[in-house]
Amino acid sequence: MQVRREEIARMIDHGLLGPKLTDEELRSRCELARRVGAAGVCVKPYAVLLAAKVLQGSGVRAGVDFAKTSTGFGDSGAKVEDVVLMRRHCPERVAIKAAGGIRSLGYLLDLKNAGATRFGTSATAAILNGIPE
């Protein structure tokens, strides 16, 4: 089977989430995404405007489909107050994903009521077992 680099690149979201990523590194990696025709770039919220500026007109997507409470950075997982704040300030089309520290059905429902529509958890079985059949 023969594939072209461009075909594969269009299937990849180019991740730019390094905790120490500088603006210059972000520009450089966005230029790489532009050059290879990546499907999109995944950046921290503060970097969306810079990425969008660098990628303007390239066909590489730089926008927000969902916002996530935690990505392994920071000292805590999902908090109800964070979900409320994110829902208040994100456009309605942006889904909110709560992730980290969700270990019970009750807490998942609290996050859902606050505005989360997606959830990341390693306690799926425990949560599903909390739902009566």
C-alpha atoms as a PDB file:
ATOM      1  CA  MET A   1       0.000   0.000   0.000  1.00  0.00           C
ATOM      2  CA  GLN A   2       1.364   3.367  -0.964  1.00  0.00           C
ATOM      3  CA  VAL A   3       0.360   6.550   0.848  1.00  0.00           C
ATOM      4  CA  ARG A   4       1.404  10.132   0.456  1.00  0.00           C
ATOM      5  CA  ARG A   5       2.610  12.272   3.339  1.00  0.00           C
ATOM      6  CA  GLU A   6      -0.139  14.792   2.626  1.00  0.00           C
ATOM      7  CA  GLU A   7      -2.842  12.117   2.967  1.00  0.00           C
ATOM      8  CA  ILE A   8      -1.593  11.073   6.393  1.00  0.00           C
ATOM      9  CA  ALA A   9      -0.968  14.647   7.557  1.00  0.00           C
ATOM     10  CA  ARG A  10      -4.626  15.555   6.890  1.00  0.00           C
ATOM     11  CA  MET A  11      -5.634  12.912   9.454  1.00  0.00           C
ATOM     12  CA  ILE A  12      -3.407  14.206  12.267  1.00  0.00           C
ATOM     13  CA  ASP A  13      -4.051  16.948  14.795  1.00  0.00           C
ATOM     14  CA  HIS A  14      -0.640  18.453  15.391  1.00  0.00           C
ATOM     15  CA  GLY A  15      -0.275  18.642  19.200  1.00  0.00           C
ATOM     16  CA  LEU A  16       1.409  21.729  20.608  1.00  0.00           C
ATOM     17  CA  LEU A  17       0.675  21.268  24.301  1.00  0.00           C
ATOM     18  CA  GLY A  18       4.156  21.274  25.832  1.00  0.00           C
ATOM     19  CA  PRO A  19       4.058  23.010  29.216  1.00  0.00           C
ATOM     20  CA  LYS A  20       7.157  25.094  28.394  1.00  0.00           C
ATOM     21  CA  LEU A  21       6.342  25.848  24.755  1.00  0.00           C
ATOM     22  CA  THR A  22       7.545  29.324  23.801  1.00  0.00           C
ATOM     23  CA  ASP A  23       5.798  31.595  21.290  1.00  0.00           C
ATOM     24  CA  GLU A  24       8.682  31.065  18.860  1.00  0.00           C
ATOM     25  CA  GLU A  25       8.371  27.268  19.166  1.00  0.00           C
ATOM     26  CA  LEU A  26       4.615  27.594  18.638  1.00  0.00           C
ATOM     27  CA  ARG A  27       5.171  29.654  15.472  1.00  0.00           C
ATOM     28  CA  SER A  28       7.726  27.141  14.195  1.00  0.00           C
ATOM     29  CA  ARG A  29       5.441  24.152  14.818  1.00  0.00           C
ATOM     30  CA  CYS A  30       2.444  25.923  13.261  1.00  0.00           C
ATOM     31  CA  GLU A  31       4.590  26.557  10.190  1.00  0.00           C
ATOM     32  CA  LEU A  32       5.388  22.825  10.102  1.00  0.00           C
ATOM     33  CA  ALA A  33       1.656  22.019  10.339  1.00  0.00           C
ATOM     34  CA  ARG A  34       1.046  24.483   7.482  1.00  0.00           C
ATOM     35  CA  ARG A  35       3.846  22.971   5.382  1.00  0.00           C
ATOM     36  CA  VAL A  36       2.696  19.358   5.756  1.00  0.00           C
ATOM     37  CA  GLY A  37      -1.029  20.177   5.675  1.00  0.00           C
ATOM     38  CA  ALA A  38      -1.948  18.825   9.117  1.00  0.00           C
ATOM     39  CA  ALA A  39      -5.667  18.488   9.844  1.00  0.00           C
ATOM     40  CA  GLY A  40      -5.420  20.904  12.743  1.00  0.00           C
ATOM     41  CA  VAL A  41      -3.351  22.000  15.674  1.00  0.00           C
ATOM     42  CA  CYS A  42      -4.101  21.424  19.328  1.00  0.00           C
ATOM     43  CA  VAL A  43      -2.871  24.289  21.497  1.00  0.00           C
ATOM     44  CA  LYS A  44      -3.358  25.639  24.986  1.00  0.00           C
ATOM     45  CA  PRO A  45      -6.112  28.269  25.204  1.00  0.00           C
ATOM     46  CA  TYR A  46      -3.691  31.207  25.465  1.00  0.00           C
ATOM     47  CA  ALA A  47      -2.137  30.232  22.113  1.00  0.00           C
ATOM     48  CA  VAL A  48      -5.270  30.001  19.945  1.00  0.00           C
ATOM     49  CA  LEU A  49      -5.023  33.557  18.588  1.00  0.00           C
ATOM     50  CA  LEU A  50      -1.324  33.265  17.725  1.00  0.00           C
ATOM     51  CA  ALA A  51      -1.846  29.862  16.062  1.00  0.00           C
ATOM     52  CA  ALA A  52      -4.823  31.181  14.094  1.00  0.00           C
ATOM     53  CA  LYS A  53      -2.748  34.142  12.889  1.00  0.00           C
ATOM     54  CA  VAL A  54       0.164  31.952  11.756  1.00  0.00           C
ATOM     55  CA  LEU A  55      -2.156  29.425  10.068  1.00  0.00           C
ATOM     56  CA  GLN A  56      -4.517  31.931   8.415  1.00  0.00           C
ATOM     57  CA  GLY A  57      -5.336  30.886   4.859  1.00  0.00           C
ATOM     58  CA  SER A  58      -3.534  27.533   5.095  1.00  0.00           C
ATOM     59  CA  GLY A  59      -6.511  25.208   5.502  1.00  0.00           C
ATOM     60  CA  VAL A  60      -5.099  23.953   8.821  1.00  0.00           C
ATOM     61  CA  ARG A  61      -7.821  24.268  11.429  1.00  0.00           C
ATOM     62  CA  ALA A  62      -7.056  26.470  14.429  1.00  0.00           C
ATOM     63  CA  GLY A  63     -10.158  26.807  16.523  1.00  0.00           C
ATOM     64  CA  VAL A  64     -11.997  25.326  19.442  1.00  0.00           C
ATOM     65  CA  ASP A  65     -14.355  22.335  19.289  1.00  0.00           C
ATOM     66  CA  PHE A  66     -14.201  21.560  22.982  1.00  0.00           C
ATOM     67  CA  ALA A  67     -12.592  22.933  26.103  1.00  0.00           C
ATOM     68  CA  LYS A  68     -11.199  20.605  28.733  1.00  0.00           C
ATOM     69  CA  THR A  69     -10.789  21.217  32.453  1.00  0.00           C
ATOM     70  CA  SER A  70      -7.525  19.316  32.876  1.00  0.00           C
ATOM     71  CA  THR A  71      -4.869  17.886  30.607  1.00  0.00           C
ATOM     72  CA  GLY A  72      -2.432  16.460  33.126  1.00  0.00           C
ATOM     73  CA  PHE A  73      -1.120  19.890  34.029  1.00  0.00           C
ATOM     74  CA  GLY A  74      -1.950  21.590  37.306  1.00  0.00           C
ATOM     75  CA  ASP A  75      -2.653  20.214  40.746  1.00  0.00           C
ATOM     76  CA  SER A  76      -6.295  19.133  40.574  1.00  0.00           C
ATOM     77  CA  GLY A  77      -8.880  17.568  38.325  1.00  0.00           C
ATOM     78  CA  ALA A  78     -12.299  18.756  37.232  1.00  0.00           C
ATOM     79  CA  LYS A  79     -14.057  21.253  39.486  1.00  0.00           C
ATOM     80  CA  VAL A  80     -17.718  22.263  39.217  1.00  0.00           C
ATOM     81  CA  GLU A  81     -16.811  25.956  39.486  1.00  0.00           C
ATOM     82  CA  ASP A  82     -14.362  25.617  36.581  1.00  0.00           C
ATOM     83  CA  VAL A  83     -17.035  23.990  34.388  1.00  0.00           C
ATOM     84  CA  VAL A  84     -19.496  26.789  35.271  1.00  0.00           C
ATOM     85  CA  LEU A  85     -16.900  29.413  34.332  1.00  0.00           C
ATOM     86  CA  MET A  86     -15.979  27.650  31.095  1.00  0.00           C
ATOM     87  CA  ARG A  87     -19.627  27.230  30.052  1.00  0.00           C
ATOM     88  CA  ARG A  88     -20.288  30.910  30.761  1.00  0.00           C
ATOM     89  CA  HIS A  89     -17.376  32.086  28.608  1.00  0.00           C
ATOM     90  CA  CYS A  90     -17.259  29.535  25.765  1.00  0.00           C
ATOM     91  CA  PRO A  91     -19.554  29.793  22.745  1.00  0.00           C
ATOM     92  CA  GLU A  92     -22.509  27.404  22.920  1.00  0.00           C
ATOM     93  CA  ARG A  93     -21.086  25.306  20.033  1.00  0.00           C
ATOM     94  CA  VAL A  94     -18.008  24.507  22.154  1.00  0.00           C
ATOM     95  CA  ALA A  95     -18.428  21.324  24.186  1.00  0.00           C
ATOM     96  CA  ILE A  96     -17.020  21.252  27.709  1.00  0.00           C
ATOM     97  CA  LYS A  97     -15.049  18.165  28.750  1.00  0.00           C
ATOM     98  CA  ALA A  98     -14.538  17.608  32.466  1.00  0.00           C
ATOM     99  CA  ALA A  99     -11.553  15.379  33.193  1.00  0.00           C
ATOM    100  CA  GLY A 100      -9.610  14.315  36.229  1.00  0.00           C
ATOM    101  CA  GLY A 101     -10.837  13.279  39.667  1.00  0.00           C
ATOM    102  CA  ILE A 102     -14.273  12.055  38.516  1.00  0.00           C
ATOM    103  CA  ARG A 103     -14.814   8.885  40.513  1.00  0.00           C
ATOM    104  CA  SER A 104     -18.557   8.759  41.228  1.00  0.00           C
ATOM    105  CA  LEU A 105     -21.852   9.074  39.398  1.00  0.00           C
ATOM    106  CA  GLY A 106     -22.905  11.864  41.761  1.00  0.00           C
ATOM    107  CA  TYR A 107     -19.866  13.999  40.923  1.00  0.00           C
ATOM    108  CA  LEU A 108     -20.232  13.299  37.201  1.00  0.00           C
ATOM    109  CA  LEU A 109     -23.858  14.487  37.396  1.00  0.00           C
ATOM    110  CA  ASP A 110     -22.780  17.623  39.297  1.00  0.00           C
ATOM    111  CA  LEU A 111     -20.349  18.397  36.459  1.00  0.00           C
ATOM    112  CA  LYS A 112     -23.031  17.632  33.857  1.00  0.00           C
ATOM    113  CA  ASN A 113     -25.451  20.014  35.583  1.00  0.00           C
ATOM    114  CA  ALA A 114     -22.729  22.670  35.552  1.00  0.00           C
ATOM    115  CA  GLY A 115     -22.452  22.382  31.746  1.00  0.00           C
ATOM    116  CA  ALA A 116     -20.030  19.555  30.914  1.00  0.00           C
ATOM    117  CA  THR A 117     -21.088  17.320  28.030  1.00  0.00           C
ATOM    118  CA  ARG A 118     -18.049  15.037  27.887  1.00  0.00           C
ATOM    119  CA  PHE A 119     -16.100  13.349  30.642  1.00  0.00           C
ATOM    120  CA  GLY A 120     -12.643  11.853  31.052  1.00  0.00           C
ATOM    121  CA  THR A 121     -12.259   9.361  33.877  1.00  0.00           C
ATOM    122  CA  SER A 122     -10.424   6.187  34.769  1.00  0.00           C
ATOM    123  CA  ALA A 123     -13.342   5.135  37.016  1.00  0.00           C
ATOM    124  CA  THR A 124     -15.840   4.305  34.269  1.00  0.00           C
ATOM    125  CA  ALA A 125     -16.855   0.931  35.744  1.00  0.00           C
ATOM    126  CA  ALA A 126     -17.483   2.378  39.224  1.00  0.00           C
ATOM    127  CA  ILE A 127     -19.540   5.206  37.758  1.00  0.00           C
ATOM    128  CA  LEU A 128     -21.616   2.927  35.529  1.00  0.00           C
ATOM    129  CA  ASN A 129     -22.153   0.531  38.459  1.00  0.00           C
ATOM    130  CA  GLY A 130     -23.725   3.468  40.318  1.00  0.00           C
ATOM    131  CA  ILE A 131     -26.560   3.637  37.787  1.00  0.00           C
ATOM    132  CA  PRO A 132     -29.549   1.436  38.662  1.00  0.00           C
ATOM    133  CA  GLU A 133     -30.729  -0.870  35.878  1.00  0.00           C
END
